[in-house]
Amino acid sequence: MRGFSSPVLLLTICAATAAAQPVASPPDFSSGGISWNGIGGGDLLAVPGSPPPVSQDPRYKYTPNNLGAQPTYRISDITNPNLKQWAKDVMKKDNDEVLAGKIAYTARSACKPGGVPGFITLGGGALYFVQSPKEVTMIFDGNAETRHIYLNVPHAANPRPSWYGDSIGHYEGDTLVVDTIAMNDKSFIDAYRTPHTNKIHVTERWRLVENGQKLDVVATIDDPDTFNKPWQASRQYRVGRNRPLEENICAENNNNLFDYGTPTAKAPDF
């Protein structure tokens, strides 16, 4: 009969057409040894429609150490309505101590792991990616801080809490999606020393933008014991230099002038 098509024939044609379509390649964050330099000094940026991240207390001016003026420390704005009271109390105590003269160290200055999402706020260095079919490795050259994201697998059955937790990922078209659980509570959320509990759950979406000249990440942070609602924040990186990853040992000479809280062994291990 004219105009009649067999369902079996249509399914066969559709299957053949789908098979003929080119499979999208995952985004290449590491081509040619590219390094990525963070934009914005390590601050997390607000995402429209989401509760905002913690920012600088407007009563105190923050001056970074690369402007030729006397640098100051970040003082967190604890009026952020998304913070639970215990977190505000901890941050107020920290603010008061810093304003009284204490060093307001960050993970970078103290040579400690950044945690997640703290890893994406590490400043003063470059970020590298190593991609394989089973794993994506992110390396920040300062102290060679390293994260391992295992692709297309479930979370470990009973992951042990750690600085960088248990991270699994997969590609969704041009985006690397990373899901991280099982972090300890020793790291900070951001450069404002916002604490968190071991219930924190972070999802990141990494993708290239502006014809590959920038790298964009949007993180969703959910910690019901620290925040009233899950929230999102973003950060961008620009293409840096094509150079090999160099050794950068954070703790070397880092205690000469100030005590940044750098972990130091009291006895040799040999």
C-alpha atoms as a PDB file:
ATOM      1  CA  MET A   1       0.000   0.000   0.000  1.00  0.00           C
ATOM      2  CA  ARG A   2       1.311   3.391  -0.971  1.00  0.00           C
ATOM      3  CA  GLY A   3       2.535   5.448   2.003  1.00  0.00           C
ATOM      4  CA  PHE A   4       2.695   2.396   4.256  1.00  0.00           C
ATOM      5  CA  SER A   5       5.919   1.817   6.240  1.00  0.00           C
ATOM      6  CA  SER A   6       6.646  -1.262   8.248  1.00  0.00           C
ATOM      7  CA  PRO A   7       7.357  -0.538  11.975  1.00  0.00           C
ATOM      8  CA  VAL A   8      10.270  -2.957  11.796  1.00  0.00           C
ATOM      9  CA  LEU A   9      11.669  -1.106   8.779  1.00  0.00           C
ATOM     10  CA  LEU A  10      11.303   2.259  10.542  1.00  0.00           C
ATOM     11  CA  LEU A  11      13.097   0.971  13.641  1.00  0.00           C
ATOM     12  CA  THR A  12      15.885  -0.413  11.470  1.00  0.00           C
ATOM     13  CA  ILE A  13      16.285   2.893   9.636  1.00  0.00           C
ATOM     14  CA  CYS A  14      16.273   4.887  12.904  1.00  0.00           C
ATOM     15  CA  ALA A  15      18.865   2.583  14.452  1.00  0.00           C
ATOM     16  CA  ALA A  16      21.087   2.841  11.387  1.00  0.00           C
ATOM     17  CA  THR A  17      20.746   6.633  11.356  1.00  0.00           C
ATOM     18  CA  ALA A  18      21.643   6.875  15.052  1.00  0.00           C
ATOM     19  CA  ALA A  19      24.654   4.639  14.545  1.00  0.00           C
ATOM     20  CA  ALA A  20      25.826   6.841  11.694  1.00  0.00           C
ATOM     21  CA  GLN A  21      25.765   9.989  13.877  1.00  0.00           C
ATOM     22  CA  PRO A  22      29.225  10.991  15.119  1.00  0.00           C
ATOM     23  CA  VAL A  23      29.729  10.461  18.838  1.00  0.00           C
ATOM     24  CA  ALA A  24      30.615  13.720  20.577  1.00  0.00           C
ATOM     25  CA  SER A  25      34.122  13.744  21.976  1.00  0.00           C
ATOM     26  CA  PRO A  26      34.508  14.709  25.628  1.00  0.00           C
ATOM     27  CA  PRO A  27      35.910  18.187  26.277  1.00  0.00           C
ATOM     28  CA  ASP A  28      39.690  18.365  26.201  1.00  0.00           C
ATOM     29  CA  PHE A  29      40.923  20.375  29.181  1.00  0.00           C
ATOM     30  CA  SER A  30      44.547  19.283  28.834  1.00  0.00           C
ATOM     31  CA  SER A  31      45.497  19.611  25.157  1.00  0.00           C
ATOM     32  CA  GLY A  32      49.118  20.581  24.625  1.00  0.00           C
ATOM     33  CA  GLY A  33      49.907  20.786  28.325  1.00  0.00           C
ATOM     34  CA  ILE A  34      47.620  23.788  28.860  1.00  0.00           C
ATOM     35  CA  SER A  35      47.589  25.339  32.296  1.00  0.00           C
ATOM     36  CA  TRP A  36      44.576  27.240  33.599  1.00  0.00           C
ATOM     37  CA  ASN A  37      44.921  30.394  35.698  1.00  0.00           C
ATOM     38  CA  GLY A  38      42.081  31.355  38.012  1.00  0.00           C
ATOM     39  CA  ILE A  39      40.200  34.596  37.409  1.00  0.00           C
ATOM     40  CA  GLY A  40      39.081  36.769  40.289  1.00  0.00           C
ATOM     41  CA  GLY A  41      41.540  36.080  43.075  1.00  0.00           C
ATOM     42  CA  GLY A  42      39.950  32.912  44.409  1.00  0.00           C
ATOM     43  CA  ASP A  43      36.491  34.223  45.249  1.00  0.00           C
ATOM     44  CA  LEU A  44      33.444  32.134  44.430  1.00  0.00           C
ATOM     45  CA  LEU A  45      30.931  34.044  42.299  1.00  0.00           C
ATOM     46  CA  ALA A  46      27.192  34.106  42.899  1.00  0.00           C
ATOM     47  CA  VAL A  47      24.882  32.227  40.550  1.00  0.00           C
ATOM     48  CA  PRO A  48      21.542  33.925  39.720  1.00  0.00           C
ATOM     49  CA  GLY A  49      18.635  32.345  41.584  1.00  0.00           C
ATOM     50  CA  SER A  50      20.858  30.730  44.225  1.00  0.00           C
ATOM     51  CA  PRO A  51      21.673  31.835  47.786  1.00  0.00           C
ATOM     52  CA  PRO A  52      24.969  33.763  47.508  1.00  0.00           C
ATOM     53  CA  PRO A  53      28.330  32.491  48.725  1.00  0.00           C
ATOM     54  CA  VAL A  54      30.010  34.138  51.707  1.00  0.00           C
ATOM     55  CA  SER A  55      31.741  37.380  50.741  1.00  0.00           C
ATOM     56  CA  GLN A  56      33.808  40.164  52.297  1.00  0.00           C
ATOM     57  CA  ASP A  57      32.305  42.037  55.245  1.00  0.00           C
ATOM     58  CA  PRO A  58      31.566  45.460  53.714  1.00  0.00           C
ATOM     59  CA  ARG A  59      32.851  47.188  56.854  1.00  0.00           C
ATOM     60  CA  TYR A  60      36.399  46.061  56.064  1.00  0.00           C
ATOM     61  CA  LYS A  61      38.247  46.584  52.802  1.00  0.00           C
ATOM     62  CA  TYR A  62      40.089  43.592  51.383  1.00  0.00           C
ATOM     63  CA  THR A  63      43.339  44.397  49.566  1.00  0.00           C
ATOM     64  CA  PRO A  64      45.229  41.465  47.980  1.00  0.00           C
ATOM     65  CA  ASN A  65      49.015  41.430  48.035  1.00  0.00           C
ATOM     66  CA  ASN A  66      49.529  42.115  44.322  1.00  0.00           C
ATOM     67  CA  LEU A  67      48.267  45.698  44.072  1.00  0.00           C
ATOM     68  CA  GLY A  68      51.285  47.539  45.476  1.00  0.00           C
ATOM     69  CA  ALA A  69      49.337  48.624  48.566  1.00  0.00           C
ATOM     70  CA  GLN A  70      49.327  47.317  52.119  1.00  0.00           C
ATOM     71  CA  PRO A  71      47.492  43.976  51.887  1.00  0.00           C
ATOM     72  CA  THR A  72      44.694  43.072  54.264  1.00  0.00           C
ATOM     73  CA  TYR A  73      42.955  39.824  55.143  1.00  0.00           C
ATOM     74  CA  ARG A  74      39.544  38.589  54.134  1.00  0.00           C
ATOM     75  CA  ILE A  75      36.922  39.140  56.831  1.00  0.00           C
ATOM     76  CA  SER A  76      33.809  37.065  56.245  1.00  0.00           C
ATOM     77  CA  ASP A  77      30.360  38.619  56.185  1.00  0.00           C
ATOM     78  CA  ILE A  78      28.532  36.448  58.706  1.00  0.00           C
ATOM     79  CA  THR A  79      25.217  38.166  58.029  1.00  0.00           C
ATOM     80  CA  ASN A  80      24.833  35.748  55.108  1.00  0.00           C
ATOM     81  CA  PRO A  81      21.322  34.377  55.772  1.00  0.00           C
ATOM     82  CA  ASN A  82      22.136  30.903  54.456  1.00  0.00           C
ATOM     83  CA  LEU A  83      24.581  30.123  57.272  1.00  0.00           C
ATOM     84  CA  LYS A  84      23.533  28.058  60.283  1.00  0.00           C
ATOM     85  CA  GLN A  85      24.161  29.741  63.627  1.00  0.00           C
ATOM     86  CA  TRP A  86      27.020  27.428  64.676  1.00  0.00           C
ATOM     87  CA  ALA A  87      28.926  28.376  61.505  1.00  0.00           C
ATOM     88  CA  LYS A  88      28.332  32.079  62.167  1.00  0.00           C
ATOM     89  CA  ASP A  89      29.665  31.639  65.700  1.00  0.00           C
ATOM     90  CA  VAL A  90      32.831  29.905  64.493  1.00  0.00           C
ATOM     91  CA  MET A  91      33.398  32.523  61.800  1.00  0.00           C
ATOM     92  CA  LYS A  92      32.803  35.445  64.184  1.00  0.00           C
ATOM     93  CA  LYS A  93      35.425  34.079  66.556  1.00  0.00           C
ATOM     94  CA  ASP A  94      37.827  33.751  63.632  1.00  0.00           C
ATOM     95  CA  ASN A  95      37.026  37.272  62.409  1.00  0.00           C
ATOM     96  CA  ASP A  96      37.612  38.736  65.866  1.00  0.00           C
ATOM     97  CA  GLU A  97      40.983  36.987  66.164  1.00  0.00           C
ATOM     98  CA  VAL A  98      42.084  38.163  62.715  1.00  0.00           C
ATOM     99  CA  LEU A  99      41.051  41.751  63.456  1.00  0.00           C
ATOM    100  CA  ALA A 100      43.076  41.469  66.678  1.00  0.00           C
ATOM    101  CA  GLY A 101      46.195  40.488  64.740  1.00  0.00           C
ATOM    102  CA  LYS A 102      45.976  36.769  64.018  1.00  0.00           C
ATOM    103  CA  ILE A 103      47.128  35.447  60.632  1.00  0.00           C
ATOM    104  CA  ALA A 104      44.090  34.714  58.466  1.00  0.00           C
ATOM    105  CA  TYR A 105      45.610  31.751  56.724  1.00  0.00           C
ATOM    106  CA  THR A 106      44.081  29.929  53.776  1.00  0.00           C
ATOM    107  CA  ALA A 107      44.643  26.371  52.618  1.00  0.00           C
ATOM    108  CA  ARG A 108      47.165  27.724  50.102  1.00  0.00           C
ATOM    109  CA  SER A 109      49.222  29.712  52.621  1.00  0.00           C
ATOM    110  CA  ALA A 110      49.049  26.920  55.216  1.00  0.00           C
ATOM    111  CA  CYS A 111      50.069  24.218  52.713  1.00  0.00           C
ATOM    112  CA  LYS A 112      46.957  22.180  53.457  1.00  0.00           C
ATOM    113  CA  PRO A 113      44.636  20.411  51.013  1.00  0.00           C
ATOM    114  CA  GLY A 114      41.879  22.662  49.738  1.00  0.00           C
ATOM    115  CA  GLY A 115      39.027  20.180  49.975  1.00  0.00           C
ATOM    116  CA  VAL A 116      35.989  20.540  47.720  1.00  0.00           C
ATOM    117  CA  PRO A 117      34.916  23.122  46.641  1.00  0.00           C
ATOM    118  CA  GLY A 118      37.897  24.832  48.294  1.00  0.00           C
ATOM    119  CA  PHE A 119      40.167  23.292  45.652  1.00  0.00           C
ATOM    120  CA  ILE A 120      38.737  25.578  42.974  1.00  0.00           C
ATOM    121  CA  THR A 121      39.492  28.696  45.040  1.00  0.00           C
ATOM    122  CA  LEU A 122      43.219  27.963  45.438  1.00  0.00           C
ATOM    123  CA  GLY A 123      45.125  30.957  44.121  1.00  0.00           C
ATOM    124  CA  GLY A 124      48.671  31.889  43.203  1.00  0.00           C
ATOM    125  CA  GLY A 125      49.239  28.978  40.839  1.00  0.00           C
ATOM    126  CA  ALA A 126      47.895  27.078  37.856  1.00  0.00           C
ATOM    127  CA  LEU A 127      45.521  24.157  37.354  1.00  0.00           C
ATOM    128  CA  TYR A 128      46.313  21.177  35.110  1.00  0.00           C
ATOM    129  CA  PHE A 129      44.187  18.291  33.864  1.00  0.00           C
ATOM    130  CA  VAL A 130      45.194  14.757  32.950  1.00  0.00           C
ATOM    131  CA  GLN A 131      42.364  12.896  31.193  1.00  0.00           C
ATOM    132  CA  SER A 132      42.017   9.206  30.422  1.00  0.00           C
ATOM    133  CA  PRO A 133      38.991   7.007  29.667  1.00  0.00           C
ATOM    134  CA  LYS A 134      38.769   5.889  33.310  1.00  0.00           C
ATOM    135  CA  GLU A 135      39.945   8.895  35.282  1.00  0.00           C
ATOM    136  CA  VAL A 136      40.359  12.668  35.294  1.00  0.00           C
ATOM    137  CA  THR A 137      43.142  14.004  37.480  1.00  0.00           C
ATOM    138  CA  MET A 138      43.180  17.659  38.507  1.00  0.00           C
ATOM    139  CA  ILE A 139      46.505  19.042  39.705  1.00  0.00           C
ATOM    140  CA  PHE A 140      47.068  22.476  41.212  1.00  0.00           C
ATOM    141  CA  ASP A 141      50.768  23.206  40.868  1.00  0.00           C
ATOM    142  CA  GLY A 142      51.072  24.804  44.305  1.00  0.00           C
ATOM    143  CA  ASN A 143      52.253  21.868  46.420  1.00  0.00           C
ATOM    144  CA  ALA A 144      50.996  19.572  43.630  1.00  0.00           C
ATOM    145  CA  GLU A 145      47.553  19.339  45.240  1.00  0.00           C
ATOM    146  CA  THR A 146      45.789  16.506  43.386  1.00  0.00           C
ATOM    147  CA  ARG A 147      42.229  15.295  42.947  1.00  0.00           C
ATOM    148  CA  HIS A 148      41.223  12.007  41.343  1.00  0.00           C
ATOM    149  CA  ILE A 149      37.837  11.713  39.609  1.00  0.00           C
ATOM    150  CA  TYR A 150      36.906   8.185  38.578  1.00  0.00           C
ATOM    151  CA  LEU A 151      34.685   8.013  35.505  1.00  0.00           C
ATOM    152  CA  ASN A 152      31.487   6.040  34.954  1.00  0.00           C
ATOM    153  CA  VAL A 153      31.573   4.153  38.249  1.00  0.00           C
ATOM    154  CA  PRO A 154      29.429   4.381  41.403  1.00  0.00           C
ATOM    155  CA  HIS A 155      30.675   5.798  44.670  1.00  0.00           C
ATOM    156  CA  ALA A 156      32.622   3.432  46.882  1.00  0.00           C
ATOM    157  CA  ALA A 157      30.359   1.400  49.169  1.00  0.00           C
ATOM    158  CA  ASN A 158      31.857   2.718  52.412  1.00  0.00           C
ATOM    159  CA  PRO A 159      34.241   5.545  51.557  1.00  0.00           C
ATOM    160  CA  ARG A 160      36.498   6.740  54.334  1.00  0.00           C
ATOM    161  CA  PRO A 161      36.231  10.521  54.926  1.00  0.00           C
ATOM    162  CA  SER A 162      39.237  12.351  53.518  1.00  0.00           C
ATOM    163  CA  TRP A 163      40.350  15.828  52.437  1.00  0.00           C
ATOM    164  CA  TYR A 164      39.144  15.358  48.847  1.00  0.00           C
ATOM    165  CA  GLY A 165      36.521  12.717  49.471  1.00  0.00           C
ATOM    166  CA  ASP A 166      35.223  10.194  46.968  1.00  0.00           C
ATOM    167  CA  SER A 167      34.814  11.816  43.540  1.00  0.00           C
ATOM    168  CA  ILE A 168      33.139  10.158  40.572  1.00  0.00           C
ATOM    169  CA  GLY A 169      32.343  11.724  37.232  1.00  0.00           C
ATOM    170  CA  HIS A 170      30.947  11.410  33.744  1.00  0.00           C
ATOM    171  CA  TYR A 171      30.666  13.521  30.618  1.00  0.00           C
ATOM    172  CA  GLU A 172      27.410  15.108  29.529  1.00  0.00           C
ATOM    173  CA  GLY A 173      28.199  16.375  26.050  1.00  0.00           C
ATOM    174  CA  ASP A 174      30.684  19.222  26.495  1.00  0.00           C
ATOM    175  CA  THR A 175      30.546  19.106  30.295  1.00  0.00           C
ATOM    176  CA  LEU A 176      32.453  17.098  32.906  1.00  0.00           C
ATOM    177  CA  VAL A 177      30.137  16.401  35.837  1.00  0.00           C
ATOM    178  CA  VAL A 178      31.868  15.570  39.138  1.00  0.00           C
ATOM    179  CA  ASP A 179      30.051  14.292  42.237  1.00  0.00           C
ATOM    180  CA  THR A 180      31.960  14.323  45.550  1.00  0.00           C
ATOM    181  CA  ILE A 181      30.986  12.875  48.940  1.00  0.00           C
ATOM    182  CA  ALA A 182      32.812  11.502  52.012  1.00  0.00           C
ATOM    183  CA  MET A 183      34.886  14.569  52.846  1.00  0.00           C
ATOM    184  CA  ASN A 184      36.222  15.240  56.314  1.00  0.00           C
ATOM    185  CA  ASP A 185      35.439  18.524  58.067  1.00  0.00           C
ATOM    186  CA  LYS A 186      39.020  19.841  58.157  1.00  0.00           C
ATOM    187  CA  SER A 187      38.888  22.026  55.041  1.00  0.00           C
ATOM    188  CA  PHE A 188      37.098  25.294  54.322  1.00  0.00           C
ATOM    189  CA  ILE A 189      34.459  26.028  51.699  1.00  0.00           C
ATOM    190  CA  ASP A 190      36.219  29.147  50.453  1.00  0.00           C
ATOM    191  CA  ALA A 191      38.874  31.786  51.046  1.00  0.00           C
ATOM    192  CA  TYR A 192      36.682  33.298  53.788  1.00  0.00           C
ATOM    193  CA  ARG A 193      37.283  30.246  55.957  1.00  0.00           C
ATOM    194  CA  THR A 194      33.665  29.087  55.869  1.00  0.00           C
ATOM    195  CA  PRO A 195      33.478  25.730  57.706  1.00  0.00           C
ATOM    196  CA  HIS A 196      31.450  22.661  56.791  1.00  0.00           C
ATOM    197  CA  THR A 197      30.574  19.248  58.203  1.00  0.00           C
ATOM    198  CA  ASN A 198      31.286  15.778  56.851  1.00  0.00           C
ATOM    199  CA  LYS A 199      27.768  15.735  55.397  1.00  0.00           C
ATOM    200  CA  ILE A 200      28.853  18.050  52.599  1.00  0.00           C
ATOM    201  CA  HIS A 201      27.989  16.926  49.068  1.00  0.00           C
ATOM    202  CA  VAL A 202      29.365  18.844  46.082  1.00  0.00           C
ATOM    203  CA  THR A 203      28.501  18.552  42.393  1.00  0.00           C
ATOM    204  CA  GLU A 204      30.654  20.388  39.849  1.00  0.00           C
ATOM    205  CA  ARG A 205      30.053  21.042  36.161  1.00  0.00           C
ATOM    206  CA  TRP A 206      33.223  21.896  34.208  1.00  0.00           C
ATOM    207  CA  ARG A 207      33.097  23.125  30.587  1.00  0.00           C
ATOM    208  CA  LEU A 208      35.070  25.168  28.085  1.00  0.00           C
ATOM    209  CA  VAL A 209      33.644  28.552  27.093  1.00  0.00           C
ATOM    210  CA  GLU A 210      34.610  31.388  24.739  1.00  0.00           C
ATOM    211  CA  ASN A 211      36.030  29.058  22.088  1.00  0.00           C
ATOM    212  CA  GLY A 212      38.137  27.211  24.618  1.00  0.00           C
ATOM    213  CA  GLN A 213      39.883  30.314  25.927  1.00  0.00           C
ATOM    214  CA  LYS A 214      38.205  30.014  29.322  1.00  0.00           C
ATOM    215  CA  LEU A 215      37.216  27.185  31.629  1.00  0.00           C
ATOM    216  CA  ASP A 216      34.015  27.551  33.643  1.00  0.00           C
ATOM    217  CA  VAL A 217      32.948  25.557  36.700  1.00  0.00           C
ATOM    218  CA  VAL A 218      29.638  25.754  38.549  1.00  0.00           C
ATOM    219  CA  ALA A 219      29.516  23.990  41.911  1.00  0.00           C
ATOM    220  CA  THR A 220      26.408  23.005  43.842  1.00  0.00           C
ATOM    221  CA  ILE A 221      27.056  22.735  47.578  1.00  0.00           C
ATOM    222  CA  ASP A 222      24.705  20.853  49.888  1.00  0.00           C
ATOM    223  CA  ASP A 223      25.503  20.561  53.587  1.00  0.00           C
ATOM    224  CA  PRO A 224      22.271  20.531  55.625  1.00  0.00           C
ATOM    225  CA  ASP A 225      24.147  20.970  58.911  1.00  0.00           C
ATOM    226  CA  THR A 226      25.933  24.152  57.753  1.00  0.00           C
ATOM    227  CA  PHE A 227      23.600  25.836  55.270  1.00  0.00           C
ATOM    228  CA  ASN A 228      19.862  26.427  55.328  1.00  0.00           C
ATOM    229  CA  LYS A 229      19.579  25.634  51.608  1.00  0.00           C
ATOM    230  CA  PRO A 230      21.801  24.067  48.927  1.00  0.00           C
ATOM    231  CA  TRP A 231      23.501  26.790  46.908  1.00  0.00           C
ATOM    232  CA  GLN A 232      25.578  27.310  43.789  1.00  0.00           C
ATOM    233  CA  ALA A 233      28.703  29.270  42.965  1.00  0.00           C
ATOM    234  CA  SER A 234      30.966  29.594  39.943  1.00  0.00           C
ATOM    235  CA  ARG A 235      34.525  30.357  38.993  1.00  0.00           C
ATOM    236  CA  GLN A 236      36.371  30.795  35.713  1.00  0.00           C
ATOM    237  CA  TYR A 237      39.924  30.180  34.543  1.00  0.00           C
ATOM    238  CA  ARG A 238      41.761  31.562  31.541  1.00  0.00           C
ATOM    239  CA  VAL A 239      44.253  29.745  29.347  1.00  0.00           C
ATOM    240  CA  GLY A 240      47.719  30.073  30.826  1.00  0.00           C
ATOM    241  CA  ARG A 241      51.097  29.134  29.466  1.00  0.00           C
ATOM    242  CA  ASN A 242      51.921  25.852  27.772  1.00  0.00           C
ATOM    243  CA  ARG A 243      54.553  24.727  30.223  1.00  0.00           C
ATOM    244  CA  PRO A 244      55.339  21.538  32.089  1.00  0.00           C
ATOM    245  CA  LEU A 245      54.077  21.030  35.606  1.00  0.00           C
ATOM    246  CA  GLU A 246      56.906  22.158  37.857  1.00  0.00           C
ATOM    247  CA  GLU A 247      57.755  21.148  41.404  1.00  0.00           C
ATOM    248  CA  ASN A 248      56.419  23.660  43.904  1.00  0.00           C
ATOM    249  CA  ILE A 249      56.837  22.704  47.558  1.00  0.00           C
ATOM    250  CA  CYS A 250      54.637  25.023  49.573  1.00  0.00           C
ATOM    251  CA  ALA A 251      56.179  24.384  52.979  1.00  0.00           C
ATOM    252  CA  GLU A 252      59.747  25.309  51.984  1.00  0.00           C
ATOM    253  CA  ASN A 253      60.647  28.494  53.896  1.00  0.00           C
ATOM    254  CA  ASN A 254      56.986  29.236  54.590  1.00  0.00           C
ATOM    255  CA  ASN A 255      57.547  29.636  58.343  1.00  0.00           C
ATOM    256  CA  ASN A 256      60.358  32.198  58.140  1.00  0.00           C
ATOM    257  CA  LEU A 257      58.289  35.338  58.756  1.00  0.00           C
ATOM    258  CA  PHE A 258      54.842  34.263  59.925  1.00  0.00           C
ATOM    259  CA  ASP A 259      53.139  31.210  61.374  1.00  0.00           C
ATOM    260  CA  TYR A 260      50.592  30.278  58.737  1.00  0.00           C
ATOM    261  CA  GLY A 261      49.623  27.083  60.525  1.00  0.00           C
ATOM    262  CA  THR A 262      51.732  24.972  58.175  1.00  0.00           C
ATOM    263  CA  PRO A 263      51.793  21.324  59.313  1.00  0.00           C
ATOM    264  CA  THR A 264      55.300  20.573  60.606  1.00  0.00           C
ATOM    265  CA  ALA A 265      56.692  17.256  61.808  1.00  0.00           C
ATOM    266  CA  LYS A 266      58.185  17.407  65.292  1.00  0.00           C
ATOM    267  CA  ALA A 267      60.503  14.504  64.594  1.00  0.00           C
ATOM    268  CA  PRO A 268      61.971  12.990  61.412  1.00  0.00           C
ATOM    269  CA  ASP A 269      60.285   9.906  60.004  1.00  0.00           C
ATOM    270  CA  PHE A 270      63.538   8.158  59.140  1.00  0.00           C
END
